[in-house]
């Protein structure tokens, strides 16, 4: 039913201006459009919609995940922009700094200013 439909992430933020600063400037996502409901960004062939909500940051799971070529380099570049990363203890994984290694997969997780959990890795 939905298998042929395009999907994209949507992320709630408390303050849309802070959200625009983080997603547009800190993460460097490409601005697509803004409407009264929120702001849409493009990222590597996908899209993410950032909108204001009083329930922003209340989830405890990853809301968006980016596939990158070099996880460690991307982590370092975001740390240079004051992005804070998490360290998790996950069965079957090893950690090299903030990079979690699970066999050939590498991943790292961080939060936006509202506490939404975001991730990046070399594979899905």
N, C-alpha and C. Protein backbone atom coordinates (compact mmCIF):
# COMPACT_ATOMS: atom_id res chain seq x y z
N UNK A 1 0.81 -1.19 0.00
CA UNK A 1 0.00 0.00 0.00
C UNK A 1 0.86 1.27 0.00
N UNK A 2 1.80 1.41 0.97
CA UNK A 2 2.65 2.59 1.01
C UNK A 2 4.04 2.33 0.43
N UNK A 3 4.28 1.11 -0.02
CA UNK A 3 5.60 0.73 -0.50
C UNK A 3 6.12 1.53 -1.66
N UNK A 4 5.26 2.15 -2.43
CA UNK A 4 5.69 2.95 -3.57
C UNK A 4 5.67 4.45 -3.28
N UNK A 5 5.31 4.81 -2.06
CA UNK A 5 5.20 6.23 -1.69
C UNK A 5 6.49 6.70 -1.05
N UNK A 6 6.84 7.95 -1.34
CA UNK A 6 8.03 8.56 -0.74
C UNK A 6 7.76 8.83 0.73
N UNK A 7 8.76 8.62 1.58
CA UNK A 7 8.63 8.87 3.00
C UNK A 7 9.73 9.85 3.42
N UNK A 8 9.41 10.69 4.39
CA UNK A 8 10.45 11.54 4.96
C UNK A 8 10.18 11.76 6.44
N UNK A 9 11.23 12.16 7.13
CA UNK A 9 11.15 12.34 8.58
C UNK A 9 10.48 13.66 8.93
N UNK A 10 9.83 13.68 10.07
CA UNK A 10 9.33 14.93 10.63
C UNK A 10 9.77 14.99 12.08
N UNK A 11 10.23 16.16 12.49
CA UNK A 11 10.79 16.34 13.82
C UNK A 11 10.15 17.55 14.49
N UNK A 12 9.63 17.34 15.69
CA UNK A 12 9.02 18.42 16.45
C UNK A 12 10.09 19.18 17.24
N UNK A 13 9.96 20.50 17.27
CA UNK A 13 10.84 21.36 18.07
C UNK A 13 9.97 22.31 18.88
N UNK A 14 10.49 22.76 20.00
CA UNK A 14 9.75 23.73 20.82
C UNK A 14 9.78 25.12 20.22
N UNK A 15 10.92 25.52 19.70
CA UNK A 15 11.12 26.87 19.16
C UNK A 15 11.55 26.73 17.70
N UNK A 16 10.71 27.15 16.79
CA UNK A 16 10.98 26.95 15.36
C UNK A 16 12.24 27.71 14.92
N UNK A 17 12.51 28.86 15.51
CA UNK A 17 13.72 29.62 15.13
C UNK A 17 14.98 28.87 15.56
N UNK A 18 14.99 28.31 16.76
CA UNK A 18 16.14 27.49 17.19
C UNK A 18 16.24 26.23 16.34
N UNK A 19 15.11 25.68 15.96
CA UNK A 19 15.11 24.51 15.08
C UNK A 19 15.71 24.83 13.73
N UNK A 20 15.35 25.98 13.18
CA UNK A 20 15.90 26.40 11.89
C UNK A 20 17.41 26.61 11.99
N UNK A 21 17.85 27.19 13.08
CA UNK A 21 19.30 27.40 13.29
C UNK A 21 20.03 26.06 13.33
N UNK A 22 19.48 25.10 14.08
CA UNK A 22 20.15 23.80 14.23
C UNK A 22 20.12 23.00 12.94
N UNK A 23 18.94 22.80 12.36
CA UNK A 23 18.84 21.94 11.18
C UNK A 23 19.41 22.61 9.93
N UNK A 24 19.20 23.90 9.80
CA UNK A 24 19.70 24.60 8.62
C UNK A 24 21.18 24.95 8.70
N UNK A 25 21.59 25.52 9.84
CA UNK A 25 22.98 25.99 9.94
C UNK A 25 23.91 24.96 10.57
N UNK A 26 23.58 24.44 11.73
CA UNK A 26 24.48 23.50 12.39
C UNK A 26 24.64 22.22 11.58
N UNK A 27 23.52 21.61 11.16
CA UNK A 27 23.61 20.38 10.38
C UNK A 27 23.83 20.63 8.90
N UNK A 28 23.57 21.83 8.43
CA UNK A 28 23.82 22.17 7.03
C UNK A 28 22.83 21.58 6.05
N UNK A 29 21.58 21.36 6.50
CA UNK A 29 20.57 20.83 5.58
C UNK A 29 20.12 21.92 4.63
N UNK A 30 19.70 21.53 3.44
CA UNK A 30 19.30 22.48 2.40
C UNK A 30 17.85 22.90 2.59
N UNK A 31 17.62 24.19 2.78
CA UNK A 31 16.27 24.74 2.93
C UNK A 31 15.47 24.49 1.65
N UNK A 32 14.26 23.99 1.79
CA UNK A 32 13.38 23.77 0.65
C UNK A 32 12.27 24.81 0.65
N UNK A 33 11.52 24.84 1.75
CA UNK A 33 10.42 25.79 1.84
C UNK A 33 9.96 25.91 3.29
N UNK A 34 9.29 27.00 3.56
CA UNK A 34 8.69 27.21 4.88
C UNK A 34 7.23 27.57 4.67
N UNK A 35 6.38 27.03 5.52
CA UNK A 35 4.98 27.39 5.49
C UNK A 35 4.52 27.56 6.94
N UNK A 36 3.28 27.95 7.19
CA UNK A 36 2.86 28.15 8.58
C UNK A 36 2.99 26.90 9.45
N UNK A 37 3.08 25.72 8.84
CA UNK A 37 3.20 24.49 9.61
C UNK A 37 4.62 24.14 10.03
N UNK A 38 5.62 24.66 9.32
CA UNK A 38 7.00 24.36 9.65
C UNK A 38 7.94 24.60 8.49
N UNK A 39 9.09 23.96 8.55
CA UNK A 39 10.15 24.18 7.57
C UNK A 39 10.59 22.83 7.02
N UNK A 40 10.73 22.75 5.70
CA UNK A 40 11.18 21.52 5.05
C UNK A 40 12.61 21.72 4.57
N UNK A 41 13.43 20.69 4.81
CA UNK A 41 14.81 20.68 4.36
C UNK A 41 15.05 19.44 3.51
N UNK A 42 16.00 19.54 2.57
CA UNK A 42 16.43 18.40 1.77
C UNK A 42 17.77 17.94 2.31
N UNK A 43 17.99 16.62 2.21
CA UNK A 43 19.24 16.05 2.70
C UNK A 43 19.51 14.74 1.96
N UNK A 44 20.46 14.76 1.05
CA UNK A 44 20.89 13.55 0.37
C UNK A 44 19.80 12.77 -0.33
N UNK A 45 18.86 13.43 -0.95
CA UNK A 45 17.77 12.76 -1.66
C UNK A 45 16.55 12.51 -0.80
N UNK A 46 16.61 12.82 0.47
CA UNK A 46 15.46 12.70 1.37
C UNK A 46 15.07 14.07 1.89
N UNK A 47 14.01 14.09 2.66
CA UNK A 47 13.55 15.35 3.23
C UNK A 47 13.25 15.18 4.71
N UNK A 48 13.29 16.30 5.42
CA UNK A 48 12.93 16.31 6.83
C UNK A 48 12.09 17.56 7.06
N UNK A 49 11.00 17.41 7.78
CA UNK A 49 10.10 18.52 8.07
C UNK A 49 10.22 18.85 9.55
N UNK A 50 10.56 20.08 9.86
CA UNK A 50 10.74 20.55 11.23
C UNK A 50 9.56 21.44 11.57
N UNK A 51 8.86 21.11 12.65
CA UNK A 51 7.65 21.85 13.01
C UNK A 51 7.59 22.07 14.51
N UNK A 52 6.86 23.10 14.94
CA UNK A 52 6.73 23.43 16.35
C UNK A 52 5.66 22.56 17.01
N UNK A 53 5.99 22.07 18.21
CA UNK A 53 5.05 21.26 18.97
C UNK A 53 5.45 21.31 20.45
N UNK A 54 4.46 21.33 21.31
CA UNK A 54 4.72 21.31 22.75
C UNK A 54 5.26 19.96 23.21
N UNK A 55 5.14 18.93 22.40
CA UNK A 55 5.63 17.60 22.79
C UNK A 55 7.03 17.32 22.25
N UNK A 56 7.72 18.34 21.74
CA UNK A 56 9.06 18.16 21.17
C UNK A 56 10.01 17.54 22.18
N UNK A 57 10.81 16.62 21.70
CA UNK A 57 11.86 16.03 22.52
C UNK A 57 11.39 15.04 23.57
N UNK A 58 10.14 14.61 23.52
CA UNK A 58 9.64 13.70 24.56
C UNK A 58 9.85 12.24 24.21
N UNK A 59 10.24 11.94 22.99
CA UNK A 59 10.50 10.56 22.60
C UNK A 59 11.88 10.11 23.06
N UNK A 60 12.06 8.83 23.20
CA UNK A 60 13.35 8.29 23.62
C UNK A 60 13.99 7.42 22.55
N UNK A 61 13.51 7.54 21.33
CA UNK A 61 14.04 6.74 20.23
C UNK A 61 14.53 7.68 19.12
N UNK A 62 15.34 7.14 18.23
CA UNK A 62 15.89 7.92 17.12
C UNK A 62 14.76 8.34 16.18
N UNK A 63 14.72 9.64 15.85
CA UNK A 63 13.66 10.14 14.97
C UNK A 63 14.13 10.33 13.54
N UNK A 64 15.43 10.45 13.32
CA UNK A 64 15.98 10.58 11.96
C UNK A 64 17.41 10.06 11.98
N UNK A 65 17.84 9.49 10.85
CA UNK A 65 19.16 8.85 10.75
C UNK A 65 19.75 9.16 9.38
N UNK A 66 20.99 9.64 9.37
CA UNK A 66 21.68 9.97 8.13
C UNK A 66 22.74 8.92 7.83
N UNK A 67 22.83 8.47 6.59
CA UNK A 67 23.89 7.56 6.16
C UNK A 67 25.02 8.43 5.61
N UNK A 68 26.22 8.26 6.17
CA UNK A 68 27.38 9.06 5.80
C UNK A 68 28.53 8.14 5.40
N UNK A 69 29.48 8.69 4.66
CA UNK A 69 30.63 7.90 4.22
C UNK A 69 31.64 7.67 5.35
N UNK A 70 31.86 8.67 6.19
CA UNK A 70 32.88 8.58 7.24
C UNK A 70 32.25 9.01 8.56
N UNK A 71 31.88 8.04 9.38
CA UNK A 71 31.18 8.33 10.63
C UNK A 71 32.06 9.16 11.57
N UNK A 72 33.30 8.72 11.79
CA UNK A 72 34.18 9.42 12.73
C UNK A 72 34.41 10.87 12.30
N UNK A 73 34.65 11.11 11.03
CA UNK A 73 34.88 12.48 10.54
C UNK A 73 33.64 13.34 10.70
N UNK A 74 32.47 12.76 10.46
CA UNK A 74 31.22 13.51 10.61
C UNK A 74 30.98 13.85 12.07
N UNK A 75 31.25 12.90 12.96
CA UNK A 75 31.12 13.15 14.40
C UNK A 75 32.03 14.31 14.80
N UNK A 76 33.28 14.26 14.38
CA UNK A 76 34.23 15.32 14.73
C UNK A 76 33.78 16.68 14.20
N UNK A 77 33.27 16.72 12.96
CA UNK A 77 32.80 17.98 12.38
C UNK A 77 31.62 18.55 13.18
N UNK A 78 30.72 17.68 13.63
CA UNK A 78 29.58 18.16 14.41
C UNK A 78 29.99 18.54 15.83
N UNK A 79 30.94 17.83 16.41
CA UNK A 79 31.45 18.21 17.73
C UNK A 79 32.05 19.62 17.66
N UNK A 80 32.72 19.93 16.56
CA UNK A 80 33.29 21.26 16.38
C UNK A 80 32.22 22.34 16.35
N UNK A 81 30.97 21.95 16.07
CA UNK A 81 29.85 22.88 16.07
C UNK A 81 29.05 22.77 17.37
N UNK A 82 29.67 22.17 18.39
CA UNK A 82 29.09 22.03 19.73
C UNK A 82 27.91 21.06 19.81
N UNK A 83 27.82 20.14 18.87
CA UNK A 83 26.80 19.09 18.95
C UNK A 83 27.27 18.06 19.96
N UNK A 84 26.38 17.67 20.86
CA UNK A 84 26.71 16.71 21.92
C UNK A 84 26.27 15.31 21.51
N UNK A 85 27.18 14.34 21.62
CA UNK A 85 26.90 12.96 21.25
C UNK A 85 26.70 12.10 22.50
N UNK A 86 26.03 10.96 22.30
CA UNK A 86 25.74 10.02 23.37
C UNK A 86 26.65 8.81 23.28
N UNK A 87 26.88 8.18 24.41
CA UNK A 87 27.56 6.89 24.47
C UNK A 87 26.56 5.89 25.03
N UNK A 88 26.30 4.84 24.27
CA UNK A 88 25.36 3.80 24.69
C UNK A 88 26.11 2.49 24.92
N UNK A 89 25.64 1.70 25.86
CA UNK A 89 26.11 0.34 26.03
C UNK A 89 25.10 -0.56 25.33
N UNK A 90 25.50 -1.10 24.19
CA UNK A 90 24.61 -1.94 23.41
C UNK A 90 25.23 -3.32 23.27
N UNK A 91 24.44 -4.36 23.49
CA UNK A 91 24.98 -5.72 23.32
C UNK A 91 25.53 -5.92 21.91
N UNK A 92 26.70 -6.54 21.83
CA UNK A 92 27.28 -6.85 20.52
C UNK A 92 27.97 -5.68 19.86
N UNK A 93 28.17 -4.58 20.59
CA UNK A 93 28.83 -3.43 19.98
C UNK A 93 30.05 -3.04 20.79
N UNK A 94 30.97 -2.39 20.11
CA UNK A 94 32.15 -1.80 20.73
C UNK A 94 32.11 -0.31 20.44
N UNK A 95 32.79 0.46 21.27
CA UNK A 95 32.79 1.90 21.06
C UNK A 95 34.20 2.41 20.83
N UNK A 96 34.33 3.30 19.89
CA UNK A 96 35.57 4.04 19.66
C UNK A 96 35.20 5.50 19.80
N UNK A 97 35.35 6.03 21.01
CA UNK A 97 34.84 7.38 21.28
C UNK A 97 33.33 7.34 21.22
N UNK A 98 32.75 8.21 20.40
CA UNK A 98 31.29 8.24 20.23
C UNK A 98 30.80 7.33 19.12
N UNK A 99 31.72 6.70 18.39
CA UNK A 99 31.34 5.83 17.29
C UNK A 99 31.11 4.42 17.83
N UNK A 100 29.90 3.93 17.64
CA UNK A 100 29.53 2.58 18.06
C UNK A 100 29.72 1.65 16.88
N UNK A 101 30.44 0.55 17.09
CA UNK A 101 30.74 -0.38 16.01
C UNK A 101 30.03 -1.70 16.28
N UNK A 102 29.23 -2.12 15.28
CA UNK A 102 28.48 -3.37 15.36
C UNK A 102 28.78 -4.15 14.10
N UNK A 103 29.86 -4.92 14.15
CA UNK A 103 30.31 -5.59 12.93
C UNK A 103 30.75 -4.52 11.94
N UNK A 104 30.29 -4.61 10.69
CA UNK A 104 30.69 -3.61 9.70
C UNK A 104 29.92 -2.29 9.83
N UNK A 105 28.86 -2.27 10.63
CA UNK A 105 28.08 -1.04 10.79
C UNK A 105 28.68 -0.16 11.87
N UNK A 106 28.75 1.13 11.59
CA UNK A 106 29.16 2.12 12.56
C UNK A 106 28.03 3.13 12.71
N UNK A 107 27.81 3.59 13.93
CA UNK A 107 26.77 4.58 14.16
C UNK A 107 27.13 5.49 15.31
N UNK A 108 26.48 6.65 15.34
CA UNK A 108 26.65 7.61 16.42
C UNK A 108 25.32 8.35 16.59
N UNK A 109 25.03 8.73 17.82
CA UNK A 109 23.75 9.38 18.12
C UNK A 109 23.96 10.68 18.87
N UNK A 110 23.13 11.66 18.55
CA UNK A 110 23.21 12.99 19.15
C UNK A 110 21.80 13.54 19.28
N UNK A 111 21.67 14.70 19.89
CA UNK A 111 20.35 15.30 20.08
C UNK A 111 20.32 16.71 19.52
N UNK A 112 19.14 17.12 19.09
CA UNK A 112 18.95 18.51 18.71
C UNK A 112 18.71 19.31 20.00
N UNK A 113 18.56 20.63 19.91
CA UNK A 113 18.37 21.43 21.13
C UNK A 113 17.15 21.04 21.97
N UNK A 114 16.17 20.36 21.38
CA UNK A 114 14.98 19.95 22.12
C UNK A 114 15.09 18.55 22.70
N UNK A 115 16.18 17.86 22.42
CA UNK A 115 16.35 16.51 22.94
C UNK A 115 15.90 15.42 22.00
N UNK A 116 15.50 15.76 20.77
CA UNK A 116 15.17 14.72 19.79
C UNK A 116 16.44 13.96 19.45
N UNK A 117 16.37 12.64 19.48
CA UNK A 117 17.54 11.82 19.21
C UNK A 117 17.70 11.63 17.70
N UNK A 118 18.87 11.96 17.20
CA UNK A 118 19.22 11.85 15.79
C UNK A 118 20.43 10.93 15.68
N UNK A 119 20.56 10.26 14.56
CA UNK A 119 21.67 9.35 14.39
C UNK A 119 22.33 9.49 13.04
N UNK A 120 23.53 8.94 12.95
CA UNK A 120 24.22 8.85 11.68
C UNK A 120 25.04 7.58 11.69
N UNK A 121 25.26 7.05 10.50
CA UNK A 121 26.01 5.80 10.40
C UNK A 121 26.43 5.53 8.98
N UNK A 122 27.18 4.43 8.81
CA UNK A 122 27.68 4.10 7.48
C UNK A 122 26.76 3.15 6.73
N UNK A 123 25.74 2.62 7.38
CA UNK A 123 24.81 1.69 6.72
C UNK A 123 23.54 1.60 7.54
N UNK A 124 22.52 1.10 6.91
CA UNK A 124 21.26 0.89 7.63
C UNK A 124 20.98 -0.60 7.65
